[in-house]
Amino acid sequence: MEEINYMFWHYDLFPYLLSSEMNGNIDAEGYAKAKGYGGSKFKVSFVVWGDKGKALAITLEMIRDAYRTFMDDSKEVWKEKIDDTLKIYGVEKLT
């Protein structure tokens, strides 16, 4: 049974890496096709093989999901702070 390679590449949003199973090989320019991305190629930052690659991909997804939950939960707190600050200056609430 062939071991699955997991490729990781830089991304501009948290956690600043995306990952996927790699389809094929890395080309001369450092790009490879990522499974599930419609044949799109990405500049590979690094590759992790087998179960370790899968575990890293899952862990990064869990971190991303926890971050999103944290950010969503904290939006209300910051929204209230903005509204309180505006109130000091005689400006109506944004909401």
N, C-alpha and C. Protein backbone atom coordinates (compact mmCIF):
# COMPACT_ATOMS: atom_id res chain seq x y z
N MET A 1 0.83 -1.18 0.00
CA MET A 1 0.00 0.00 0.00
C MET A 1 0.88 1.25 0.00
N GLU A 2 0.58 2.15 -0.90
CA GLU A 2 1.37 3.36 -1.04
C GLU A 2 1.02 4.37 0.06
N GLU A 3 2.05 4.96 0.64
CA GLU A 3 1.84 5.96 1.69
C GLU A 3 1.39 7.27 1.06
N ILE A 4 0.43 7.94 1.70
CA ILE A 4 -0.10 9.21 1.20
C ILE A 4 0.77 10.35 1.68
N ASN A 5 1.11 11.24 0.75
CA ASN A 5 1.87 12.44 1.08
C ASN A 5 0.90 13.58 1.34
N TYR A 6 1.14 14.32 2.39
CA TYR A 6 0.34 15.51 2.68
C TYR A 6 1.20 16.73 2.42
N MET A 7 0.70 17.60 1.55
CA MET A 7 1.42 18.81 1.23
C MET A 7 0.83 19.97 2.02
N PHE A 8 1.69 20.91 2.36
CA PHE A 8 1.30 22.10 3.11
C PHE A 8 1.83 23.31 2.37
N TRP A 9 1.01 24.36 2.31
CA TRP A 9 1.43 25.57 1.62
C TRP A 9 0.96 26.79 2.39
N HIS A 10 1.67 27.89 2.20
CA HIS A 10 1.35 29.13 2.90
C HIS A 10 0.01 29.68 2.43
N TYR A 11 -0.70 30.30 3.37
CA TYR A 11 -2.00 30.91 3.12
C TYR A 11 -2.06 32.20 3.90
N ASP A 12 -2.85 33.16 3.43
CA ASP A 12 -2.83 34.48 4.06
C ASP A 12 -3.75 34.63 5.27
N LEU A 13 -4.51 33.61 5.61
CA LEU A 13 -5.36 33.66 6.80
C LEU A 13 -4.92 32.60 7.81
N PHE A 14 -5.27 32.83 9.06
CA PHE A 14 -4.92 31.90 10.13
C PHE A 14 -5.43 30.50 9.81
N PRO A 15 -4.66 29.48 10.01
CA PRO A 15 -3.35 29.36 10.65
C PRO A 15 -2.17 29.54 9.69
N TYR A 16 -2.42 30.21 8.59
CA TYR A 16 -1.38 30.58 7.61
C TYR A 16 -0.79 29.40 6.86
N LEU A 17 -1.45 28.26 6.96
CA LEU A 17 -1.08 27.08 6.18
C LEU A 17 -2.36 26.36 5.77
N LEU A 18 -2.37 25.83 4.57
CA LEU A 18 -3.42 24.92 4.13
C LEU A 18 -2.75 23.60 3.81
N SER A 19 -3.56 22.55 3.76
CA SER A 19 -2.98 21.24 3.49
C SER A 19 -3.96 20.38 2.71
N SER A 20 -3.40 19.37 2.09
CA SER A 20 -4.19 18.42 1.33
C SER A 20 -3.32 17.22 1.01
N GLU A 21 -3.98 16.12 0.63
CA GLU A 21 -3.23 15.02 0.06
C GLU A 21 -2.63 15.53 -1.25
N MET A 22 -1.43 15.10 -1.55
CA MET A 22 -0.76 15.56 -2.76
C MET A 22 -1.05 14.60 -3.90
N ASN A 23 -1.46 15.14 -5.04
CA ASN A 23 -1.68 14.34 -6.25
C ASN A 23 -0.44 14.46 -7.13
N GLY A 24 0.29 13.41 -7.26
CA GLY A 24 1.47 13.43 -8.12
C GLY A 24 2.71 13.92 -7.39
N ASN A 25 3.60 14.51 -8.15
CA ASN A 25 4.89 14.96 -7.63
C ASN A 25 4.99 16.47 -7.65
N ILE A 26 6.01 16.97 -6.98
CA ILE A 26 6.32 18.39 -7.00
C ILE A 26 7.08 18.67 -8.28
N ASP A 27 6.64 19.71 -9.03
CA ASP A 27 7.31 20.03 -10.29
C ASP A 27 8.59 20.82 -10.05
N ALA A 28 9.29 21.15 -11.12
CA ALA A 28 10.59 21.83 -11.03
C ALA A 28 10.50 23.20 -10.36
N GLU A 29 9.32 23.83 -10.41
CA GLU A 29 9.13 25.16 -9.80
C GLU A 29 8.66 25.06 -8.35
N GLY A 30 8.45 23.84 -7.86
CA GLY A 30 8.04 23.65 -6.47
C GLY A 30 6.54 23.59 -6.25
N TYR A 31 5.77 23.40 -7.33
CA TYR A 31 4.31 23.33 -7.24
C TYR A 31 3.85 21.89 -7.36
N ALA A 32 2.69 21.62 -6.72
CA ALA A 32 2.08 20.29 -6.83
C ALA A 32 0.56 20.45 -6.80
N LYS A 33 -0.12 19.45 -7.35
CA LYS A 33 -1.58 19.44 -7.33
C LYS A 33 -2.06 18.93 -5.98
N ALA A 34 -3.09 19.60 -5.47
CA ALA A 34 -3.67 19.23 -4.18
C ALA A 34 -5.01 18.55 -4.40
N LYS A 35 -5.21 17.41 -3.78
CA LYS A 35 -6.46 16.68 -3.89
C LYS A 35 -7.60 17.54 -3.31
N GLY A 36 -8.70 17.58 -4.05
CA GLY A 36 -9.86 18.32 -3.57
C GLY A 36 -9.88 19.79 -3.96
N TYR A 37 -8.94 20.22 -4.76
CA TYR A 37 -8.87 21.61 -5.19
C TYR A 37 -9.01 21.75 -6.70
N GLY A 38 -9.71 20.81 -7.31
CA GLY A 38 -10.02 20.89 -8.73
C GLY A 38 -8.83 20.95 -9.66
N GLY A 39 -7.76 20.29 -9.29
CA GLY A 39 -6.58 20.27 -10.15
C GLY A 39 -5.68 21.48 -9.98
N SER A 40 -6.01 22.37 -9.03
CA SER A 40 -5.16 23.55 -8.79
C SER A 40 -3.82 23.13 -8.23
N LYS A 41 -2.81 23.92 -8.58
CA LYS A 41 -1.46 23.69 -8.07
C LYS A 41 -1.12 24.76 -7.04
N PHE A 42 -0.35 24.37 -6.04
CA PHE A 42 0.09 25.29 -5.00
C PHE A 42 1.58 25.13 -4.78
N LYS A 43 2.22 26.23 -4.38
CA LYS A 43 3.64 26.21 -4.07
C LYS A 43 3.83 25.49 -2.74
N VAL A 44 4.45 24.36 -2.77
CA VAL A 44 4.59 23.51 -1.59
C VAL A 44 5.62 24.10 -0.62
N SER A 45 5.21 24.26 0.63
CA SER A 45 6.13 24.71 1.68
C SER A 45 6.88 23.52 2.26
N PHE A 46 6.13 22.43 2.50
CA PHE A 46 6.75 21.21 2.99
C PHE A 46 5.77 20.05 2.81
N VAL A 47 6.30 18.85 2.91
CA VAL A 47 5.52 17.63 2.78
C VAL A 47 5.77 16.77 4.01
N VAL A 48 4.68 16.18 4.53
CA VAL A 48 4.80 15.24 5.63
C VAL A 48 4.11 13.96 5.17
N TRP A 49 4.78 12.83 5.36
CA TRP A 49 4.29 11.58 4.83
C TRP A 49 3.41 10.83 5.81
N GLY A 50 2.46 10.10 5.25
CA GLY A 50 1.67 9.11 5.97
C GLY A 50 0.83 9.65 7.10
N ASP A 51 0.74 8.85 8.15
CA ASP A 51 -0.11 9.16 9.30
C ASP A 51 0.29 10.47 9.98
N LYS A 52 1.58 10.78 9.99
CA LYS A 52 2.01 12.04 10.60
C LYS A 52 1.48 13.23 9.81
N GLY A 53 1.48 13.12 8.50
CA GLY A 53 0.94 14.20 7.66
C GLY A 53 -0.54 14.40 7.89
N LYS A 54 -1.26 13.28 7.95
CA LYS A 54 -2.70 13.35 8.19
C LYS A 54 -2.98 13.95 9.56
N ALA A 55 -2.23 13.52 10.57
CA ALA A 55 -2.41 14.04 11.93
C ALA A 55 -2.13 15.53 11.99
N LEU A 56 -1.08 15.98 11.30
CA LEU A 56 -0.77 17.42 11.28
C LEU A 56 -1.88 18.19 10.59
N ALA A 57 -2.38 17.69 9.47
CA ALA A 57 -3.46 18.36 8.76
C ALA A 57 -4.70 18.49 9.65
N ILE A 58 -5.05 17.42 10.35
CA ILE A 58 -6.22 17.43 11.24
C ILE A 58 -6.00 18.39 12.40
N THR A 59 -4.80 18.38 12.98
CA THR A 59 -4.50 19.27 14.10
C THR A 59 -4.60 20.73 13.67
N LEU A 60 -4.07 21.07 12.51
CA LEU A 60 -4.17 22.45 12.01
C LEU A 60 -5.63 22.86 11.79
N GLU A 61 -6.45 21.94 11.29
CA GLU A 61 -7.88 22.23 11.13
C GLU A 61 -8.55 22.48 12.48
N MET A 62 -8.20 21.71 13.48
CA MET A 62 -8.76 21.88 14.82
C MET A 62 -8.35 23.22 15.41
N ILE A 63 -7.10 23.61 15.21
CA ILE A 63 -6.62 24.90 15.69
C ILE A 63 -7.37 26.03 14.98
N ARG A 64 -7.53 25.89 13.66
CA ARG A 64 -8.26 26.90 12.90
C ARG A 64 -9.70 27.03 13.40
N ASP A 65 -10.36 25.90 13.62
CA ASP A 65 -11.75 25.93 14.09
C ASP A 65 -11.86 26.56 15.48
N ALA A 66 -10.92 26.24 16.37
CA ALA A 66 -10.92 26.84 17.71
C ALA A 66 -10.71 28.34 17.62
N TYR A 67 -9.82 28.76 16.74
CA TYR A 67 -9.54 30.19 16.53
C TYR A 67 -10.80 30.90 16.03
N ARG A 68 -11.46 30.32 15.06
CA ARG A 68 -12.68 30.93 14.52
C ARG A 68 -13.76 31.06 15.59
N THR A 69 -13.93 30.03 16.40
CA THR A 69 -14.90 30.08 17.49
C THR A 69 -14.54 31.19 18.47
N PHE A 70 -13.27 31.26 18.84
CA PHE A 70 -12.80 32.30 19.75
C PHE A 70 -13.08 33.69 19.18
N MET A 71 -12.75 33.88 17.91
CA MET A 71 -12.94 35.19 17.28
C MET A 71 -14.43 35.54 17.19
N ASP A 72 -15.26 34.58 16.84
CA ASP A 72 -16.70 34.83 16.77
C ASP A 72 -17.25 35.19 18.15
N ASP A 73 -16.82 34.48 19.17
CA ASP A 73 -17.29 34.74 20.52
C ASP A 73 -16.83 36.10 21.04
N SER A 74 -15.64 36.53 20.64
CA SER A 74 -15.11 37.79 21.15
C SER A 74 -15.63 39.01 20.39
N LYS A 75 -16.24 38.82 19.24
CA LYS A 75 -16.75 39.96 18.47
C LYS A 75 -17.77 40.78 19.26
N GLU A 76 -18.64 40.10 19.98
CA GLU A 76 -19.67 40.80 20.75
C GLU A 76 -19.04 41.68 21.83
N VAL A 77 -18.01 41.18 22.49
CA VAL A 77 -17.33 41.95 23.54
C VAL A 77 -16.74 43.22 22.94
N TRP A 78 -16.07 43.10 21.81
CA TRP A 78 -15.44 44.26 21.19
C TRP A 78 -16.47 45.22 20.61
N LYS A 79 -17.56 44.67 20.11
CA LYS A 79 -18.65 45.51 19.60
C LYS A 79 -19.21 46.38 20.74
N GLU A 80 -19.38 45.80 21.92
CA GLU A 80 -19.86 46.54 23.08
C GLU A 80 -18.86 47.63 23.47
N LYS A 81 -17.57 47.32 23.42
CA LYS A 81 -16.55 48.32 23.76
C LYS A 81 -16.61 49.50 22.79
N ILE A 82 -16.80 49.21 21.52
CA ILE A 82 -16.91 50.28 20.53
C ILE A 82 -18.14 51.12 20.80
N ASP A 83 -19.28 50.45 21.05
CA ASP A 83 -20.51 51.18 21.34
C ASP A 83 -20.36 52.05 22.59
N ASP A 84 -19.73 51.53 23.63
CA ASP A 84 -19.51 52.30 24.86
C ASP A 84 -18.61 53.52 24.59
N THR A 85 -17.59 53.32 23.78
CA THR A 85 -16.69 54.43 23.43
C THR A 85 -17.43 55.50 22.63
N LEU A 86 -18.23 55.08 21.67
CA LEU A 86 -19.00 56.04 20.88
C LEU A 86 -19.96 56.82 21.75
N LYS A 87 -20.56 56.15 22.72
CA LYS A 87 -21.51 56.78 23.62
C LYS A 87 -20.85 57.93 24.39
N ILE A 88 -19.59 57.73 24.80
CA ILE A 88 -18.84 58.76 25.51
C ILE A 88 -18.75 60.03 24.67
N TYR A 89 -18.65 59.87 23.37
CA TYR A 89 -18.52 60.99 22.45
C TYR A 89 -19.84 61.43 21.86
N GLY A 90 -20.94 60.93 22.41
CA GLY A 90 -22.26 61.36 21.97
C GLY A 90 -22.71 60.78 20.66
N VAL A 91 -22.13 59.68 20.26
CA VAL A 91 -22.50 59.04 18.99
C VAL A 91 -23.38 57.84 19.30
N GLU A 92 -24.44 57.68 18.50
CA GLU A 92 -25.34 56.54 18.69
C GLU A 92 -24.60 55.23 18.43
N LYS A 93 -25.16 54.18 18.99
CA LYS A 93 -24.58 52.84 18.79
C LYS A 93 -24.60 52.47 17.31
N LEU A 94 -23.68 51.63 16.94
CA LEU A 94 -23.63 51.13 15.56
C LEU A 94 -24.72 50.10 15.30
N THR A 95 -25.15 49.43 16.36
CA THR A 95 -26.14 48.35 16.20
C THR A 95 -27.52 48.79 16.56
